Amino acid sequence: MTLAIAGSIAFSGKAIIVKLAYRYGVDAVTLIMYRMLFALPMFLILAAWSGRGKPALTWRDIRAIAGLGFSGYYLASFLDFAGLRYISASLERLILYLNPTLVLGLGVILFGRRVQRSQLVALALSYVGVLCVFGKEVALEGANVPLGALLVFGSTVSYAVYLAYSGEEVRRLGALRLTGLASSVACIICIVQFWMLRPLSAMAVAAPVLWLSLLNATVCTFAPVLMVMMAIERIGAPLTAQAGAIGPLSTIFMAVVLLGEPFSIWVAAGTALVLAGIWLLARQPAASAA
């Protein structure tokens, strides 16, 4: 649970960084290219280190890695980056929070898993907490908001598919090895996409964009991806996804500090409810073991 929560908080910083970078006129294709370009060496090293002494990859492993890398790390990231161009970070987090529901549903449909009552109660508490924060602050204004919301929802679906299937594959390959390989695939796809869609001159961006991309690649990409995969290995995909309840609240807090957004009573109430849901989830493994 500690890994899952820490990974969720680190992931949440991505929306703030992306919104800051967009102020310098960069587009989604270029921004995600720089993020993945900086992250690629770290993921390649992780893949090589975690694969020492392990059996060679089979064709089944390669197909699974390619699919997970495309769905969870490339497509989900690109759609999210593109959607953030049109909607606020708060609305983005609200849509992404549909992820736990989708993961639980996919687990039931694909793997025949059973949803426990305590998970539903924790999920309900966390949803109420998120609604307390965003219910009075989200305003669907502007012609491009539906497009942005649709793009981010597509990102949510893509990442839910990744989480649902990665729980099975991580037991075969190990969390670190799968993370390194699948993320490297996604990084390469993003870099190739840039070379296909943009001229070389598009690499000339403002210096703050480079620093923000480096921060995004390390603190908000490499570190949380690693923590989330290790959490999936220990507590499973559904519980890891539900621990992401704290993500929207951490986004709000970072927005207050870094973007100067006001802190309201809705944030306080939402934080209390989300933390209550996380507390219930943290008790679940122990209860199951008993």
C-alpha atoms as a PDB file:
ATOM      1  CA  MET A   1       0.000   0.000   0.000  1.00  0.00           C
ATOM      2  CA  THR A   2       2.879   2.367   0.765  1.00  0.00           C
ATOM      3  CA  LEU A   3       4.337   1.809  -2.706  1.00  0.00           C
ATOM      4  CA  ALA A   4       0.949   2.233  -4.365  1.00  0.00           C
ATOM      5  CA  ILE A   5       0.161   5.471  -2.525  1.00  0.00           C
ATOM      6  CA  ALA A   6       3.611   6.982  -3.084  1.00  0.00           C
ATOM      7  CA  GLY A   7       3.458   6.070  -6.766  1.00  0.00           C
ATOM      8  CA  SER A   8       0.032   7.662  -7.082  1.00  0.00           C
ATOM      9  CA  ILE A   9       1.222  10.925  -5.512  1.00  0.00           C
ATOM     10  CA  ALA A  10       4.286  11.040  -7.769  1.00  0.00           C
ATOM     11  CA  PHE A  11       2.141  10.362 -10.834  1.00  0.00           C
ATOM     12  CA  SER A  12      -0.142  13.225  -9.825  1.00  0.00           C
ATOM     13  CA  GLY A  13       2.646  15.738 -10.249  1.00  0.00           C
ATOM     14  CA  LYS A  14       2.675  15.015 -13.969  1.00  0.00           C
ATOM     15  CA  ALA A  15      -0.490  17.052 -14.608  1.00  0.00           C
ATOM     16  CA  ILE A  16       0.997  20.097 -12.895  1.00  0.00           C
ATOM     17  CA  ILE A  17       4.248  19.799 -14.841  1.00  0.00           C
ATOM     18  CA  VAL A  18       2.428  19.386 -18.149  1.00  0.00           C
ATOM     19  CA  LYS A  19       0.258  22.443 -17.522  1.00  0.00           C
ATOM     20  CA  LEU A  20       3.362  24.473 -16.655  1.00  0.00           C
ATOM     21  CA  ALA A  21       5.149  23.303 -19.806  1.00  0.00           C
ATOM     22  CA  TYR A  22       2.189  24.185 -22.026  1.00  0.00           C
ATOM     23  CA  ARG A  23       2.670  27.823 -21.009  1.00  0.00           C
ATOM     24  CA  TYR A  24       5.785  27.846 -23.235  1.00  0.00           C
ATOM     25  CA  GLY A  25       3.888  26.929 -26.406  1.00  0.00           C
ATOM     26  CA  VAL A  26       5.055  23.313 -26.745  1.00  0.00           C
ATOM     27  CA  ASP A  27       2.674  20.689 -28.149  1.00  0.00           C
ATOM     28  CA  ALA A  28       1.783  17.234 -26.800  1.00  0.00           C
ATOM     29  CA  VAL A  29       3.879  15.269 -29.328  1.00  0.00           C
ATOM     30  CA  THR A  30       7.042  17.231 -28.523  1.00  0.00           C
ATOM     31  CA  LEU A  31       6.426  17.312 -24.787  1.00  0.00           C
ATOM     32  CA  ILE A  32       5.890  13.573 -24.441  1.00  0.00           C
ATOM     33  CA  MET A  33       8.903  12.927 -26.682  1.00  0.00           C
ATOM     34  CA  TYR A  34      11.200  14.811 -24.316  1.00  0.00           C
ATOM     35  CA  ARG A  35       9.682  13.079 -21.307  1.00  0.00           C
ATOM     36  CA  MET A  36      10.312   9.647 -22.814  1.00  0.00           C
ATOM     37  CA  LEU A  37      13.716  10.600 -24.237  1.00  0.00           C
ATOM     38  CA  PHE A  38      14.958  11.448 -20.740  1.00  0.00           C
ATOM     39  CA  ALA A  39      13.292   8.377 -19.224  1.00  0.00           C
ATOM     40  CA  LEU A  40      14.532   5.828 -21.811  1.00  0.00           C
ATOM     41  CA  PRO A  41      18.084   5.355 -20.434  1.00  0.00           C
ATOM     42  CA  MET A  42      16.719   4.678 -16.940  1.00  0.00           C
ATOM     43  CA  PHE A  43      14.260   2.080 -18.190  1.00  0.00           C
ATOM     44  CA  LEU A  44      16.891   0.366 -20.374  1.00  0.00           C
ATOM     45  CA  ILE A  45      19.234   0.101 -17.391  1.00  0.00           C
ATOM     46  CA  LEU A  46      16.407  -1.249 -15.254  1.00  0.00           C
ATOM     47  CA  ALA A  47      15.519  -3.850 -17.896  1.00  0.00           C
ATOM     48  CA  ALA A  48      19.139  -5.000 -18.237  1.00  0.00           C
ATOM     49  CA  TRP A  49      19.761  -5.114 -14.485  1.00  0.00           C
ATOM     50  CA  SER A  50      16.543  -6.943 -13.594  1.00  0.00           C
ATOM     51  CA  GLY A  51      17.010  -9.454 -16.431  1.00  0.00           C
ATOM     52  CA  ARG A  52      20.389 -10.742 -15.239  1.00  0.00           C
ATOM     53  CA  GLY A  53      20.360 -14.511 -14.886  1.00  0.00           C
ATOM     54  CA  LYS A  54      16.732 -14.743 -16.016  1.00  0.00           C
ATOM     55  CA  PRO A  55      15.473 -16.998 -18.834  1.00  0.00           C
ATOM     56  CA  ALA A  56      15.389 -15.528 -22.322  1.00  0.00           C
ATOM     57  CA  LEU A  57      12.143 -13.918 -23.415  1.00  0.00           C
ATOM     58  CA  THR A  58       9.722 -16.089 -25.349  1.00  0.00           C
ATOM     59  CA  TRP A  59       7.598 -14.824 -28.227  1.00  0.00           C
ATOM     60  CA  ARG A  60       4.677 -14.801 -25.808  1.00  0.00           C
ATOM     61  CA  ASP A  61       6.657 -12.555 -23.466  1.00  0.00           C
ATOM     62  CA  ILE A  62       7.604 -10.207 -26.308  1.00  0.00           C
ATOM     63  CA  ARG A  63       3.993  -9.869 -27.449  1.00  0.00           C
ATOM     64  CA  ALA A  64       2.834  -9.201 -23.895  1.00  0.00           C
ATOM     65  CA  ILE A  65       5.560  -6.602 -23.310  1.00  0.00           C
ATOM     66  CA  ALA A  66       4.764  -4.833 -26.570  1.00  0.00           C
ATOM     67  CA  GLY A  67       1.042  -4.778 -25.826  1.00  0.00           C
ATOM     68  CA  LEU A  68       1.449  -3.558 -22.254  1.00  0.00           C
ATOM     69  CA  GLY A  69       4.008  -0.953 -23.277  1.00  0.00           C
ATOM     70  CA  PHE A  70       1.721   0.375 -25.983  1.00  0.00           C
ATOM     71  CA  SER A  71      -1.442   0.406 -23.872  1.00  0.00           C
ATOM     72  CA  GLY A  72      -0.209   1.403 -20.441  1.00  0.00           C
ATOM     73  CA  TYR A  73       2.792   3.604 -21.081  1.00  0.00           C
ATOM     74  CA  TYR A  74       2.401   5.020 -24.595  1.00  0.00           C
ATOM     75  CA  LEU A  75      -1.283   5.334 -25.466  1.00  0.00           C
ATOM     76  CA  ALA A  76      -2.446   6.239 -21.953  1.00  0.00           C
ATOM     77  CA  SER A  77       0.279   8.867 -21.618  1.00  0.00           C
ATOM     78  CA  PHE A  78      -0.210  10.403 -25.045  1.00  0.00           C
ATOM     79  CA  LEU A  79      -3.995  10.697 -24.727  1.00  0.00           C
ATOM     80  CA  ASP A  80      -3.589  12.215 -21.272  1.00  0.00           C
ATOM     81  CA  PHE A  81      -1.039  14.777 -22.477  1.00  0.00           C
ATOM     82  CA  ALA A  82      -3.265  15.678 -25.426  1.00  0.00           C
ATOM     83  CA  GLY A  83      -6.335  16.044 -23.225  1.00  0.00           C
ATOM     84  CA  LEU A  84      -4.552  18.332 -20.772  1.00  0.00           C
ATOM     85  CA  ARG A  85      -4.245  20.872 -23.576  1.00  0.00           C
ATOM     86  CA  TYR A  86      -8.018  21.442 -23.432  1.00  0.00           C
ATOM     87  CA  ILE A  87      -9.083  20.834 -19.818  1.00  0.00           C
ATOM     88  CA  SER A  88      -7.884  21.707 -16.331  1.00  0.00           C
ATOM     89  CA  ALA A  89      -5.695  19.475 -14.214  1.00  0.00           C
ATOM     90  CA  SER A  90      -8.583  19.101 -11.766  1.00  0.00           C
ATOM     91  CA  LEU A  91     -10.993  17.793 -14.407  1.00  0.00           C
ATOM     92  CA  GLU A  92      -8.264  15.508 -15.751  1.00  0.00           C
ATOM     93  CA  ARG A  93      -7.799  13.927 -12.309  1.00  0.00           C
ATOM     94  CA  LEU A  94     -11.540  13.491 -11.888  1.00  0.00           C
ATOM     95  CA  ILE A  95     -11.780  11.549 -15.151  1.00  0.00           C
ATOM     96  CA  LEU A  96      -8.659   9.493 -14.403  1.00  0.00           C
ATOM     97  CA  TYR A  97     -10.191   8.518 -11.088  1.00  0.00           C
ATOM     98  CA  LEU A  98     -12.659   6.342 -12.994  1.00  0.00           C
ATOM     99  CA  ASN A  99      -9.701   3.966 -13.377  1.00  0.00           C
ATOM    100  CA  PRO A 100     -10.325   1.852 -10.224  1.00  0.00           C
ATOM    101  CA  THR A 101     -13.890   1.152 -11.334  1.00  0.00           C
ATOM    102  CA  LEU A 102     -12.713   0.087 -14.778  1.00  0.00           C
ATOM    103  CA  VAL A 103      -9.957  -2.125 -13.363  1.00  0.00           C
ATOM    104  CA  LEU A 104     -12.381  -3.870 -11.005  1.00  0.00           C
ATOM    105  CA  GLY A 105     -14.822  -4.407 -13.865  1.00  0.00           C
ATOM    106  CA  LEU A 106     -12.140  -5.800 -16.162  1.00  0.00           C
ATOM    107  CA  GLY A 107     -10.949  -8.089 -13.380  1.00  0.00           C
ATOM    108  CA  VAL A 108     -14.444  -9.518 -13.027  1.00  0.00           C
ATOM    109  CA  ILE A 109     -14.994  -9.878 -16.788  1.00  0.00           C
ATOM    110  CA  LEU A 110     -11.563 -11.150 -17.829  1.00  0.00           C
ATOM    111  CA  PHE A 111     -10.360 -13.103 -14.828  1.00  0.00           C
ATOM    112  CA  GLY A 112     -13.519 -13.928 -12.897  1.00  0.00           C
ATOM    113  CA  ARG A 113     -12.384 -12.057  -9.793  1.00  0.00           C
ATOM    114  CA  ARG A 114     -14.799 -11.294  -6.987  1.00  0.00           C
ATOM    115  CA  VAL A 115     -15.200  -7.786  -5.613  1.00  0.00           C
ATOM    116  CA  GLN A 116     -15.310  -7.713  -1.835  1.00  0.00           C
ATOM    117  CA  ARG A 117     -17.688  -5.530   0.119  1.00  0.00           C
ATOM    118  CA  SER A 118     -14.865  -3.676   1.871  1.00  0.00           C
ATOM    119  CA  GLN A 119     -13.418  -2.676  -1.521  1.00  0.00           C
ATOM    120  CA  LEU A 120     -16.765  -1.256  -2.591  1.00  0.00           C
ATOM    121  CA  VAL A 121     -17.141   0.692   0.646  1.00  0.00           C
ATOM    122  CA  ALA A 122     -13.610   2.103   0.342  1.00  0.00           C
ATOM    123  CA  LEU A 123     -14.239   2.986  -3.292  1.00  0.00           C
ATOM    124  CA  ALA A 124     -17.505   4.745  -2.419  1.00  0.00           C
ATOM    125  CA  LEU A 125     -15.858   6.795   0.333  1.00  0.00           C
ATOM    126  CA  SER A 126     -13.074   7.868  -1.984  1.00  0.00           C
ATOM    127  CA  TYR A 127     -15.490   8.810  -4.780  1.00  0.00           C
ATOM    128  CA  VAL A 128     -17.475  10.982  -2.379  1.00  0.00           C
ATOM    129  CA  GLY A 129     -14.226  12.622  -1.298  1.00  0.00           C
ATOM    130  CA  VAL A 130     -13.262  13.400  -4.878  1.00  0.00           C
ATOM    131  CA  LEU A 131     -16.734  14.792  -5.586  1.00  0.00           C
ATOM    132  CA  CYS A 132     -16.416  17.076  -2.552  1.00  0.00           C
ATOM    133  CA  VAL A 133     -13.236  18.534  -4.028  1.00  0.00           C
ATOM    134  CA  PHE A 134     -14.259  18.827  -7.656  1.00  0.00           C
ATOM    135  CA  GLY A 135     -18.040  19.208  -7.495  1.00  0.00           C
ATOM    136  CA  LYS A 136     -17.915  22.975  -6.887  1.00  0.00           C
ATOM    137  CA  GLU A 137     -14.758  23.673  -8.891  1.00  0.00           C
ATOM    138  CA  VAL A 138     -15.122  21.896 -12.236  1.00  0.00           C
ATOM    139  CA  ALA A 139     -16.774  24.079 -14.871  1.00  0.00           C
ATOM    140  CA  LEU A 140     -17.383  22.522 -18.275  1.00  0.00           C
ATOM    141  CA  GLU A 141     -16.878  25.656 -20.342  1.00  0.00           C
ATOM    142  CA  GLY A 142     -15.329  26.074 -23.771  1.00  0.00           C
ATOM    143  CA  ALA A 143     -15.842  24.294 -27.080  1.00  0.00           C
ATOM    144  CA  ASN A 144     -12.779  22.063 -26.634  1.00  0.00           C
ATOM    145  CA  VAL A 145     -13.678  20.685 -23.199  1.00  0.00           C
ATOM    146  CA  PRO A 146     -15.632  17.669 -24.579  1.00  0.00           C
ATOM    147  CA  LEU A 147     -12.679  16.760 -26.797  1.00  0.00           C
ATOM    148  CA  GLY A 148     -10.241  17.033 -23.903  1.00  0.00           C
ATOM    149  CA  ALA A 149     -12.491  14.994 -21.628  1.00  0.00           C
ATOM    150  CA  LEU A 150     -12.850  12.297 -24.291  1.00  0.00           C
ATOM    151  CA  LEU A 151      -9.085  12.083 -24.770  1.00  0.00           C
ATOM    152  CA  VAL A 152      -8.450  11.734 -21.040  1.00  0.00           C
ATOM    153  CA  PHE A 153     -11.208   9.131 -20.711  1.00  0.00           C
ATOM    154  CA  GLY A 154      -9.518   7.181 -23.489  1.00  0.00           C
ATOM    155  CA  SER A 155      -6.325   7.391 -21.459  1.00  0.00           C
ATOM    156  CA  THR A 156      -8.174   6.002 -18.445  1.00  0.00           C
ATOM    157  CA  VAL A 157      -9.518   3.048 -20.398  1.00  0.00           C
ATOM    158  CA  SER A 158      -6.107   2.302 -21.889  1.00  0.00           C
ATOM    159  CA  TYR A 159      -4.402   2.336 -18.492  1.00  0.00           C
ATOM    160  CA  ALA A 160      -7.153   0.194 -16.959  1.00  0.00           C
ATOM    161  CA  VAL A 161      -6.534  -2.461 -19.618  1.00  0.00           C
ATOM    162  CA  TYR A 162      -2.840  -2.309 -18.842  1.00  0.00           C
ATOM    163  CA  LEU A 163      -3.386  -2.728 -15.105  1.00  0.00           C
ATOM    164  CA  ALA A 164      -5.801  -5.611 -15.580  1.00  0.00           C
ATOM    165  CA  TYR A 165      -3.368  -7.595 -17.728  1.00  0.00           C
ATOM    166  CA  SER A 166      -0.113  -6.561 -16.052  1.00  0.00           C
ATOM    167  CA  GLY A 167      -1.146  -8.259 -12.825  1.00  0.00           C
ATOM    168  CA  GLU A 168      -0.931 -11.609 -14.622  1.00  0.00           C
ATOM    169  CA  GLU A 169       2.249 -10.887 -16.578  1.00  0.00           C
ATOM    170  CA  VAL A 170       4.188  -9.481 -13.638  1.00  0.00           C
ATOM    171  CA  ARG A 171       4.003 -12.887 -11.975  1.00  0.00           C
ATOM    172  CA  ARG A 172       5.697 -14.409 -15.006  1.00  0.00           C
ATOM    173  CA  LEU A 173       8.423 -11.861 -15.647  1.00  0.00           C
ATOM    174  CA  GLY A 174       8.781  -9.985 -12.362  1.00  0.00           C
ATOM    175  CA  ALA A 175       7.811  -6.383 -11.660  1.00  0.00           C
ATOM    176  CA  LEU A 176      11.160  -4.749 -12.358  1.00  0.00           C
ATOM    177  CA  ARG A 177      11.868  -6.593 -15.586  1.00  0.00           C
ATOM    178  CA  LEU A 178       8.387  -5.996 -17.000  1.00  0.00           C
ATOM    179  CA  THR A 179       8.505  -2.338 -16.044  1.00  0.00           C
ATOM    180  CA  GLY A 180      11.869  -1.772 -17.696  1.00  0.00           C
ATOM    181  CA  LEU A 181      10.974  -3.579 -20.906  1.00  0.00           C
ATOM    182  CA  ALA A 182       7.423  -2.291 -21.379  1.00  0.00           C
ATOM    183  CA  SER A 183       8.402   1.284 -20.568  1.00  0.00           C
ATOM    184  CA  SER A 184      11.336   1.131 -22.971  1.00  0.00           C
ATOM    185  CA  VAL A 185       8.931   0.057 -25.709  1.00  0.00           C
ATOM    186  CA  ALA A 186       6.702   3.050 -24.942  1.00  0.00           C
ATOM    187  CA  CYS A 187       9.646   5.450 -24.911  1.00  0.00           C
ATOM    188  CA  ILE A 188      10.793   4.273 -28.329  1.00  0.00           C
ATOM    189  CA  ILE A 189       7.266   4.610 -29.736  1.00  0.00           C
ATOM    190  CA  CYS A 190       7.016   8.207 -28.485  1.00  0.00           C
ATOM    191  CA  ILE A 191      10.398   9.131 -29.941  1.00  0.00           C
ATOM    192  CA  VAL A 192       9.584   7.539 -33.311  1.00  0.00           C
ATOM    193  CA  GLN A 193       6.213   9.287 -33.309  1.00  0.00           C
ATOM    194  CA  PHE A 194       7.954  12.649 -32.942  1.00  0.00           C
ATOM    195  CA  TRP A 195      10.360  11.980 -35.809  1.00  0.00           C
ATOM    196  CA  MET A 196       7.430  10.965 -38.031  1.00  0.00           C
ATOM    197  CA  LEU A 197       5.133  13.893 -37.194  1.00  0.00           C
ATOM    198  CA  ARG A 198       7.441  16.827 -36.446  1.00  0.00           C
ATOM    199  CA  PRO A 199      10.457  18.461 -38.155  1.00  0.00           C
ATOM    200  CA  LEU A 200      13.826  18.594 -36.415  1.00  0.00           C
ATOM    201  CA  SER A 201      13.271  22.284 -35.719  1.00  0.00           C
ATOM    202  CA  ALA A 202      10.470  21.321 -33.314  1.00  0.00           C
ATOM    203  CA  MET A 203      13.122  20.133 -30.861  1.00  0.00           C
ATOM    204  CA  ALA A 204      14.032  23.761 -30.201  1.00  0.00           C
ATOM    205  CA  VAL A 205      12.008  24.511 -27.077  1.00  0.00           C
ATOM    206  CA  ALA A 206      12.401  26.892 -24.149  1.00  0.00           C
ATOM    207  CA  ALA A 207      14.896  25.834 -21.481  1.00  0.00           C
ATOM    208  CA  PRO A 208      12.187  25.501 -18.787  1.00  0.00           C
ATOM    209  CA  VAL A 209      10.448  22.886 -20.952  1.00  0.00           C
ATOM    210  CA  LEU A 210      13.618  20.757 -20.885  1.00  0.00           C
ATOM    211  CA  TRP A 211      13.953  21.031 -17.109  1.00  0.00           C
ATOM    212  CA  LEU A 212      10.263  20.297 -16.589  1.00  0.00           C
ATOM    213  CA  SER A 213      10.541  17.290 -18.914  1.00  0.00           C
ATOM    214  CA  LEU A 214      13.538  15.992 -16.980  1.00  0.00           C
ATOM    215  CA  LEU A 215      11.604  16.324 -13.728  1.00  0.00           C
ATOM    216  CA  ASN A 216       8.626  14.626 -15.339  1.00  0.00           C
ATOM    217  CA  ALA A 217      10.789  11.753 -16.588  1.00  0.00           C
ATOM    218  CA  THR A 218      12.415  11.056 -13.227  1.00  0.00           C
ATOM    219  CA  VAL A 219      10.094  11.980 -10.364  1.00  0.00           C
ATOM    220  CA  CYS A 220       6.765  11.618 -12.182  1.00  0.00           C
ATOM    221  CA  THR A 221       7.518   8.755 -14.601  1.00  0.00           C
ATOM    222  CA  PHE A 222      10.388   6.423 -13.715  1.00  0.00           C
ATOM    223  CA  ALA A 223       9.977   6.441  -9.932  1.00  0.00           C
ATOM    224  CA  PRO A 224       6.170   6.041  -9.795  1.00  0.00           C
ATOM    225  CA  VAL A 225       6.053   3.444 -12.586  1.00  0.00           C
ATOM    226  CA  LEU A 226       8.515   1.363 -10.588  1.00  0.00           C
ATOM    227  CA  MET A 227       6.569   1.790  -7.363  1.00  0.00           C
ATOM    228  CA  VAL A 228       3.218   0.937  -8.956  1.00  0.00           C
ATOM    229  CA  MET A 229       4.564  -2.223 -10.595  1.00  0.00           C
ATOM    230  CA  MET A 230       6.115  -3.363  -7.319  1.00  0.00           C
ATOM    231  CA  ALA A 231       2.795  -2.661  -5.595  1.00  0.00           C
ATOM    232  CA  ILE A 232       0.926  -4.762  -8.176  1.00  0.00           C
ATOM    233  CA  GLU A 233       3.326  -7.615  -7.484  1.00  0.00           C
ATOM    234  CA  ARG A 234       2.558  -7.447  -3.756  1.00  0.00           C
ATOM    235  CA  ILE A 235      -1.139  -6.557  -3.453  1.00  0.00           C
ATOM    236  CA  GLY A 236      -2.597  -7.064  -6.945  1.00  0.00           C
ATOM    237  CA  ALA A 237      -3.902  -4.758  -9.663  1.00  0.00           C
ATOM    238  CA  PRO A 238      -7.372  -3.898  -8.263  1.00  0.00           C
ATOM    239  CA  LEU A 239      -6.106  -2.825  -4.849  1.00  0.00           C
ATOM    240  CA  THR A 240      -3.225  -0.879  -6.397  1.00  0.00           C
ATOM    241  CA  ALA A 241      -5.645   0.960  -8.667  1.00  0.00           C
ATOM    242  CA  GLN A 242      -7.963   1.815  -5.777  1.00  0.00           C
ATOM    243  CA  ALA A 243      -5.037   3.214  -3.803  1.00  0.00           C
ATOM    244  CA  GLY A 244      -4.847   5.805  -6.557  1.00  0.00           C
ATOM    245  CA  ALA A 245      -7.739   7.518  -4.769  1.00  0.00           C
ATOM    246  CA  ILE A 246      -5.195   9.789  -3.141  1.00  0.00           C
ATOM    247  CA  GLY A 247      -3.949  10.980  -6.529  1.00  0.00           C
ATOM    248  CA  PRO A 248      -6.634  13.582  -7.251  1.00  0.00           C
ATOM    249  CA  LEU A 249      -6.213  15.131  -3.805  1.00  0.00           C
ATOM    250  CA  SER A 250      -2.447  15.339  -4.138  1.00  0.00           C
ATOM    251  CA  THR A 251      -2.949  17.078  -7.478  1.00  0.00           C
ATOM    252  CA  ILE A 252      -5.082  19.703  -5.765  1.00  0.00           C
ATOM    253  CA  PHE A 253      -2.490  20.302  -3.069  1.00  0.00           C
ATOM    254  CA  MET A 254       0.299  20.674  -5.628  1.00  0.00           C
ATOM    255  CA  ALA A 255      -1.900  23.019  -7.646  1.00  0.00           C
ATOM    256  CA  VAL A 256      -2.370  25.173  -4.541  1.00  0.00           C
ATOM    257  CA  VAL A 257       1.372  25.344  -3.888  1.00  0.00           C
ATOM    258  CA  LEU A 258       2.714  25.539  -7.454  1.00  0.00           C
ATOM    259  CA  LEU A 259      -0.114  27.142  -9.411  1.00  0.00           C
ATOM    260  CA  GLY A 260      -1.580  29.379  -6.711  1.00  0.00           C
ATOM    261  CA  GLU A 261      -5.038  27.818  -6.764  1.00  0.00           C
ATOM    262  CA  PRO A 262      -7.164  28.511  -3.643  1.00  0.00           C
ATOM    263  CA  PHE A 263      -7.579  25.965  -0.859  1.00  0.00           C
ATOM    264  CA  SER A 264     -11.231  25.428   0.082  1.00  0.00           C
ATOM    265  CA  ILE A 265     -13.297  23.539   2.625  1.00  0.00           C
ATOM    266  CA  TRP A 266     -14.158  21.081  -0.141  1.00  0.00           C
ATOM    267  CA  VAL A 267     -10.485  20.109  -0.345  1.00  0.00           C
ATOM    268  CA  ALA A 268     -10.374  19.499   3.415  1.00  0.00           C
ATOM    269  CA  ALA A 269     -13.555  17.397   3.409  1.00  0.00           C
ATOM    270  CA  GLY A 270     -12.460  15.447   0.354  1.00  0.00           C
ATOM    271  CA  THR A 271      -9.059  14.720   1.853  1.00  0.00           C
ATOM    272  CA  ALA A 272     -10.648  13.261   4.994  1.00  0.00           C
ATOM    273  CA  LEU A 273     -12.930  10.966   2.999  1.00  0.00           C
ATOM    274  CA  VAL A 274     -10.225   9.795   0.600  1.00  0.00           C
ATOM    275  CA  LEU A 275      -7.856   9.012   3.470  1.00  0.00           C
ATOM    276  CA  ALA A 276     -10.666   7.055   5.137  1.00  0.00           C
ATOM    277  CA  GLY A 277     -11.021   4.989   1.972  1.00  0.00           C
ATOM    278  CA  ILE A 278      -7.274   4.396   1.812  1.00  0.00           C
ATOM    279  CA  TRP A 279      -7.315   3.272   5.465  1.00  0.00           C
ATOM    280  CA  LEU A 280     -10.021   0.702   4.702  1.00  0.00           C
ATOM    281  CA  LEU A 281      -8.040  -0.565   1.719  1.00  0.00           C
ATOM    282  CA  ALA A 282      -4.902  -0.868   3.822  1.00  0.00           C
ATOM    283  CA  ARG A 283      -6.746  -3.206   6.193  1.00  0.00           C
ATOM    284  CA  GLN A 284      -7.923  -5.471   3.373  1.00  0.00           C
ATOM    285  CA  PRO A 285      -4.765  -7.616   2.889  1.00  0.00           C
ATOM    286  CA  ALA A 286      -4.588  -8.363   6.586  1.00  0.00           C
ATOM    287  CA  ALA A 287      -8.255  -9.278   6.708  1.00  0.00           C
ATOM    288  CA  SER A 288      -7.870 -11.559   3.714  1.00  0.00           C
ATOM    289  CA  ALA A 289      -4.863 -13.272   5.211  1.00  0.00           C
ATOM    290  CA  ALA A 290      -6.788 -13.943   8.402  1.00  0.00           C
END
